[in-house]
Amino acid sequence: MAGGWSRDGAVQDQIDASVQDAVKLARSRLPDGEKGSADCEACGTAIPDLRRKAVPGVRLCVRCQSALEKQQTTHSGFNRRGSKDSQLK
């Protein structure tokens, strides 16, 4: 069921587009490479072998990775709700 001036199925299309954007963002954040770096690129501390085996291509230690993830925000910039209220925010 769509609302307002939208066609039937438009709400599901919006949901699917939001999910696709989230998957695309998550895939872009995946590390590349086999074993990754032995030392953290941000602080220079040694990355334990177990972390390097668990997360292929890891480049940051747990502390630096956590700090990076707190800084990253997701904002698509698209008004997918289509209501006037969401445009005012």
N, C-alpha and C. Protein backbone atom coordinates (compact mmCIF):
# COMPACT_ATOMS: atom_id res chain seq x y z
N MET A 1 0.85 -1.18 0.00
CA MET A 1 0.00 0.00 0.00
C MET A 1 0.89 1.23 0.00
N ALA A 2 0.70 2.10 -0.93
CA ALA A 2 1.43 3.36 -0.99
C ALA A 2 0.52 4.47 -0.51
N GLY A 3 1.11 5.55 -0.10
CA GLY A 3 0.31 6.66 0.40
C GLY A 3 0.47 7.90 -0.45
N GLY A 4 -0.49 8.80 -0.36
CA GLY A 4 -0.39 10.06 -1.08
C GLY A 4 -0.47 9.88 -2.57
N TRP A 5 0.47 10.50 -3.29
CA TRP A 5 0.46 10.47 -4.74
C TRP A 5 1.33 9.36 -5.31
N SER A 6 1.88 8.53 -4.47
CA SER A 6 2.78 7.49 -4.96
C SER A 6 2.00 6.30 -5.49
N ARG A 7 2.65 5.54 -6.33
CA ARG A 7 2.03 4.37 -6.92
C ARG A 7 2.09 3.20 -5.94
N ASP A 8 1.34 2.15 -6.23
CA ASP A 8 1.37 0.95 -5.41
C ASP A 8 2.76 0.33 -5.45
N GLY A 9 3.25 -0.07 -4.30
CA GLY A 9 4.58 -0.67 -4.22
C GLY A 9 5.70 0.31 -4.03
N ALA A 10 5.40 1.61 -4.02
CA ALA A 10 6.45 2.61 -3.90
C ALA A 10 7.12 2.56 -2.53
N VAL A 11 6.37 2.24 -1.50
CA VAL A 11 6.95 2.16 -0.15
C VAL A 11 7.98 1.04 -0.11
N GLN A 12 7.65 -0.10 -0.69
CA GLN A 12 8.61 -1.21 -0.72
C GLN A 12 9.84 -0.85 -1.53
N ASP A 13 9.65 -0.11 -2.61
CA ASP A 13 10.79 0.34 -3.41
C ASP A 13 11.72 1.22 -2.59
N GLN A 14 11.15 2.08 -1.75
CA GLN A 14 11.95 2.95 -0.89
C GLN A 14 12.71 2.13 0.14
N ILE A 15 12.05 1.13 0.70
CA ILE A 15 12.71 0.26 1.68
C ILE A 15 13.85 -0.50 1.02
N ASP A 16 13.59 -1.06 -0.16
CA ASP A 16 14.63 -1.80 -0.88
C ASP A 16 15.82 -0.92 -1.22
N ALA A 17 15.56 0.33 -1.63
CA ALA A 17 16.65 1.24 -1.95
C ALA A 17 17.47 1.57 -0.72
N SER A 18 16.81 1.73 0.42
CA SER A 18 17.53 2.01 1.67
C SER A 18 18.41 0.84 2.07
N VAL A 19 17.88 -0.37 1.93
CA VAL A 19 18.66 -1.57 2.27
C VAL A 19 19.84 -1.71 1.31
N GLN A 20 19.62 -1.48 0.03
CA GLN A 20 20.71 -1.58 -0.93
C GLN A 20 21.81 -0.56 -0.63
N ASP A 21 21.45 0.65 -0.22
CA ASP A 21 22.44 1.65 0.15
C ASP A 21 23.24 1.21 1.36
N ALA A 22 22.57 0.62 2.34
CA ALA A 22 23.26 0.17 3.55
C ALA A 22 24.21 -0.98 3.24
N VAL A 23 23.80 -1.90 2.38
CA VAL A 23 24.67 -3.01 2.00
C VAL A 23 25.88 -2.50 1.23
N LYS A 24 25.65 -1.55 0.33
CA LYS A 24 26.74 -0.96 -0.44
C LYS A 24 27.75 -0.28 0.47
N LEU A 25 27.27 0.45 1.47
CA LEU A 25 28.15 1.12 2.42
C LEU A 25 28.93 0.10 3.23
N ALA A 26 28.27 -0.95 3.70
CA ALA A 26 28.95 -1.97 4.50
C ALA A 26 30.02 -2.68 3.68
N ARG A 27 29.72 -2.98 2.42
CA ARG A 27 30.72 -3.64 1.57
C ARG A 27 31.91 -2.73 1.29
N SER A 28 31.68 -1.44 1.19
CA SER A 28 32.78 -0.51 0.93
C SER A 28 33.71 -0.41 2.14
N ARG A 29 33.20 -0.74 3.31
CA ARG A 29 34.02 -0.66 4.53
C ARG A 29 34.76 -1.95 4.84
N LEU A 30 34.50 -3.01 4.09
CA LEU A 30 35.20 -4.26 4.33
C LEU A 30 36.67 -4.11 3.96
N PRO A 31 37.55 -4.68 4.77
CA PRO A 31 38.98 -4.59 4.46
C PRO A 31 39.35 -5.49 3.29
N ASP A 32 40.42 -5.13 2.61
CA ASP A 32 40.92 -5.91 1.48
C ASP A 32 42.24 -6.58 1.86
N GLY A 33 42.59 -7.61 1.12
CA GLY A 33 43.86 -8.27 1.35
C GLY A 33 43.70 -9.56 2.13
N GLU A 34 44.79 -10.30 2.24
CA GLU A 34 44.73 -11.58 2.92
C GLU A 34 44.92 -11.45 4.42
N LYS A 35 46.06 -10.95 4.83
CA LYS A 35 46.35 -10.94 6.26
C LYS A 35 46.36 -9.55 6.85
N GLY A 36 46.50 -8.54 6.06
CA GLY A 36 46.48 -7.18 6.57
C GLY A 36 47.83 -6.74 7.10
N SER A 37 47.78 -5.69 7.86
CA SER A 37 48.99 -5.09 8.39
C SER A 37 49.34 -5.67 9.75
N ALA A 38 50.63 -5.76 10.05
CA ALA A 38 51.07 -6.26 11.35
C ALA A 38 50.94 -5.19 12.42
N ASP A 39 51.02 -3.93 12.00
CA ASP A 39 50.91 -2.80 12.93
C ASP A 39 49.74 -1.91 12.52
N CYS A 40 49.13 -1.29 13.51
CA CYS A 40 48.01 -0.38 13.27
C CYS A 40 48.49 0.83 12.48
N GLU A 41 47.76 1.16 11.43
CA GLU A 41 48.14 2.31 10.60
C GLU A 41 47.92 3.64 11.31
N ALA A 42 47.03 3.66 12.29
CA ALA A 42 46.72 4.91 12.98
C ALA A 42 47.66 5.19 14.15
N CYS A 43 47.86 4.18 15.01
CA CYS A 43 48.65 4.43 16.23
C CYS A 43 49.97 3.68 16.27
N GLY A 44 50.16 2.70 15.39
CA GLY A 44 51.43 2.00 15.31
C GLY A 44 51.58 0.81 16.25
N THR A 45 50.59 0.50 17.05
CA THR A 45 50.69 -0.66 17.94
C THR A 45 50.54 -1.95 17.13
N ALA A 46 51.07 -3.03 17.68
CA ALA A 46 51.01 -4.32 17.00
C ALA A 46 49.58 -4.85 17.03
N ILE A 47 49.15 -5.41 15.90
CA ILE A 47 47.82 -6.03 15.80
C ILE A 47 48.00 -7.52 16.08
N PRO A 48 47.29 -8.07 17.06
CA PRO A 48 47.45 -9.49 17.40
C PRO A 48 47.14 -10.40 16.20
N ASP A 49 47.85 -11.54 16.14
CA ASP A 49 47.65 -12.49 15.04
C ASP A 49 46.22 -13.00 14.97
N LEU A 50 45.58 -13.20 16.13
CA LEU A 50 44.20 -13.70 16.11
C LEU A 50 43.26 -12.71 15.44
N ARG A 51 43.47 -11.42 15.67
CA ARG A 51 42.64 -10.40 15.01
C ARG A 51 42.92 -10.39 13.51
N ARG A 52 44.19 -10.54 13.15
CA ARG A 52 44.56 -10.53 11.74
C ARG A 52 43.98 -11.74 11.00
N LYS A 53 43.87 -12.87 11.71
CA LYS A 53 43.27 -14.06 11.09
C LYS A 53 41.74 -13.94 11.04
N ALA A 54 41.16 -13.32 12.06
CA ALA A 54 39.69 -13.20 12.13
C ALA A 54 39.15 -12.19 11.14
N VAL A 55 39.90 -11.11 10.92
CA VAL A 55 39.45 -10.04 10.02
C VAL A 55 40.48 -9.90 8.90
N PRO A 56 40.27 -10.58 7.78
CA PRO A 56 41.24 -10.50 6.68
C PRO A 56 41.43 -9.06 6.20
N GLY A 57 42.67 -8.66 6.03
CA GLY A 57 42.97 -7.33 5.52
C GLY A 57 42.88 -6.23 6.57
N VAL A 58 42.85 -6.59 7.84
CA VAL A 58 42.71 -5.59 8.90
C VAL A 58 43.91 -4.63 8.89
N ARG A 59 43.63 -3.35 9.10
CA ARG A 59 44.69 -2.33 9.10
C ARG A 59 44.73 -1.55 10.40
N LEU A 60 43.70 -1.68 11.23
CA LEU A 60 43.62 -0.91 12.47
C LEU A 60 43.45 -1.83 13.67
N CYS A 61 43.97 -1.40 14.82
CA CYS A 61 43.75 -2.13 16.06
C CYS A 61 42.30 -1.92 16.50
N VAL A 62 41.87 -2.67 17.50
CA VAL A 62 40.48 -2.61 17.94
C VAL A 62 40.13 -1.20 18.42
N ARG A 63 41.01 -0.58 19.19
CA ARG A 63 40.73 0.76 19.72
C ARG A 63 40.57 1.79 18.60
N CYS A 64 41.47 1.77 17.64
CA CYS A 64 41.39 2.73 16.52
C CYS A 64 40.20 2.43 15.61
N GLN A 65 39.89 1.15 15.41
CA GLN A 65 38.74 0.78 14.59
C GLN A 65 37.44 1.25 15.25
N SER A 66 37.36 1.08 16.57
CA SER A 66 36.16 1.54 17.30
C SER A 66 36.00 3.04 17.19
N ALA A 67 37.10 3.78 17.33
CA ALA A 67 37.04 5.24 17.22
C ALA A 67 36.61 5.65 15.82
N LEU A 68 37.11 4.96 14.80
CA LEU A 68 36.75 5.28 13.42
C LEU A 68 35.27 5.03 13.17
N GLU A 69 34.74 3.92 13.69
CA GLU A 69 33.34 3.60 13.48
C GLU A 69 32.42 4.57 14.20
N LYS A 70 32.85 5.13 15.32
CA LYS A 70 32.04 6.13 16.02
C LYS A 70 31.96 7.42 15.21
N GLN A 71 33.02 7.73 14.48
CA GLN A 71 33.05 8.96 13.68
C GLN A 71 32.22 8.84 12.41
N GLN A 72 32.12 7.64 11.87
CA GLN A 72 31.41 7.45 10.61
C GLN A 72 29.91 7.52 10.84
N THR A 73 29.26 8.32 10.05
CA THR A 73 27.80 8.42 10.12
C THR A 73 27.24 8.08 8.75
N THR A 74 26.03 7.61 8.76
CA THR A 74 25.38 7.28 7.49
C THR A 74 24.25 8.26 7.25
N HIS A 75 24.37 9.00 6.18
CA HIS A 75 23.32 9.93 5.78
C HIS A 75 23.24 9.88 4.27
N SER A 76 22.16 9.36 3.78
CA SER A 76 22.06 9.15 2.34
C SER A 76 21.81 10.45 1.59
N GLY A 77 21.20 11.43 2.25
CA GLY A 77 20.91 12.68 1.57
C GLY A 77 19.63 12.64 0.75
N PHE A 78 18.96 11.51 0.73
CA PHE A 78 17.73 11.38 -0.02
C PHE A 78 16.55 11.34 0.94
N ASN A 79 15.49 12.01 0.55
CA ASN A 79 14.26 11.97 1.33
C ASN A 79 13.44 10.80 0.80
N ARG A 80 13.56 9.67 1.47
CA ARG A 80 12.87 8.48 0.98
C ARG A 80 11.48 8.36 1.57
N ARG A 81 11.17 9.11 2.62
CA ARG A 81 9.83 9.01 3.19
C ARG A 81 8.82 9.73 2.31
N GLY A 82 9.23 10.82 1.71
CA GLY A 82 8.35 11.52 0.80
C GLY A 82 7.31 12.40 1.46
N SER A 83 7.38 12.57 2.78
CA SER A 83 6.41 13.41 3.44
C SER A 83 7.01 14.79 3.68
N LYS A 84 6.17 15.78 3.87
CA LYS A 84 6.64 17.13 4.10
C LYS A 84 7.39 17.22 5.43
N ASP A 85 6.97 16.43 6.42
CA ASP A 85 7.62 16.46 7.73
C ASP A 85 9.09 16.07 7.62
N SER A 86 9.38 15.05 6.81
CA SER A 86 10.75 14.61 6.69
C SER A 86 11.61 15.62 5.92
N GLN A 87 10.99 16.45 5.10
CA GLN A 87 11.72 17.46 4.36
C GLN A 87 12.10 18.64 5.23
N LEU A 88 11.36 18.85 6.31
CA LEU A 88 11.63 19.97 7.19
C LEU A 88 12.74 19.72 8.18
N LYS A 89 13.13 18.48 8.36
CA LYS A 89 14.16 18.13 9.34
C LYS A 89 15.53 18.41 8.84
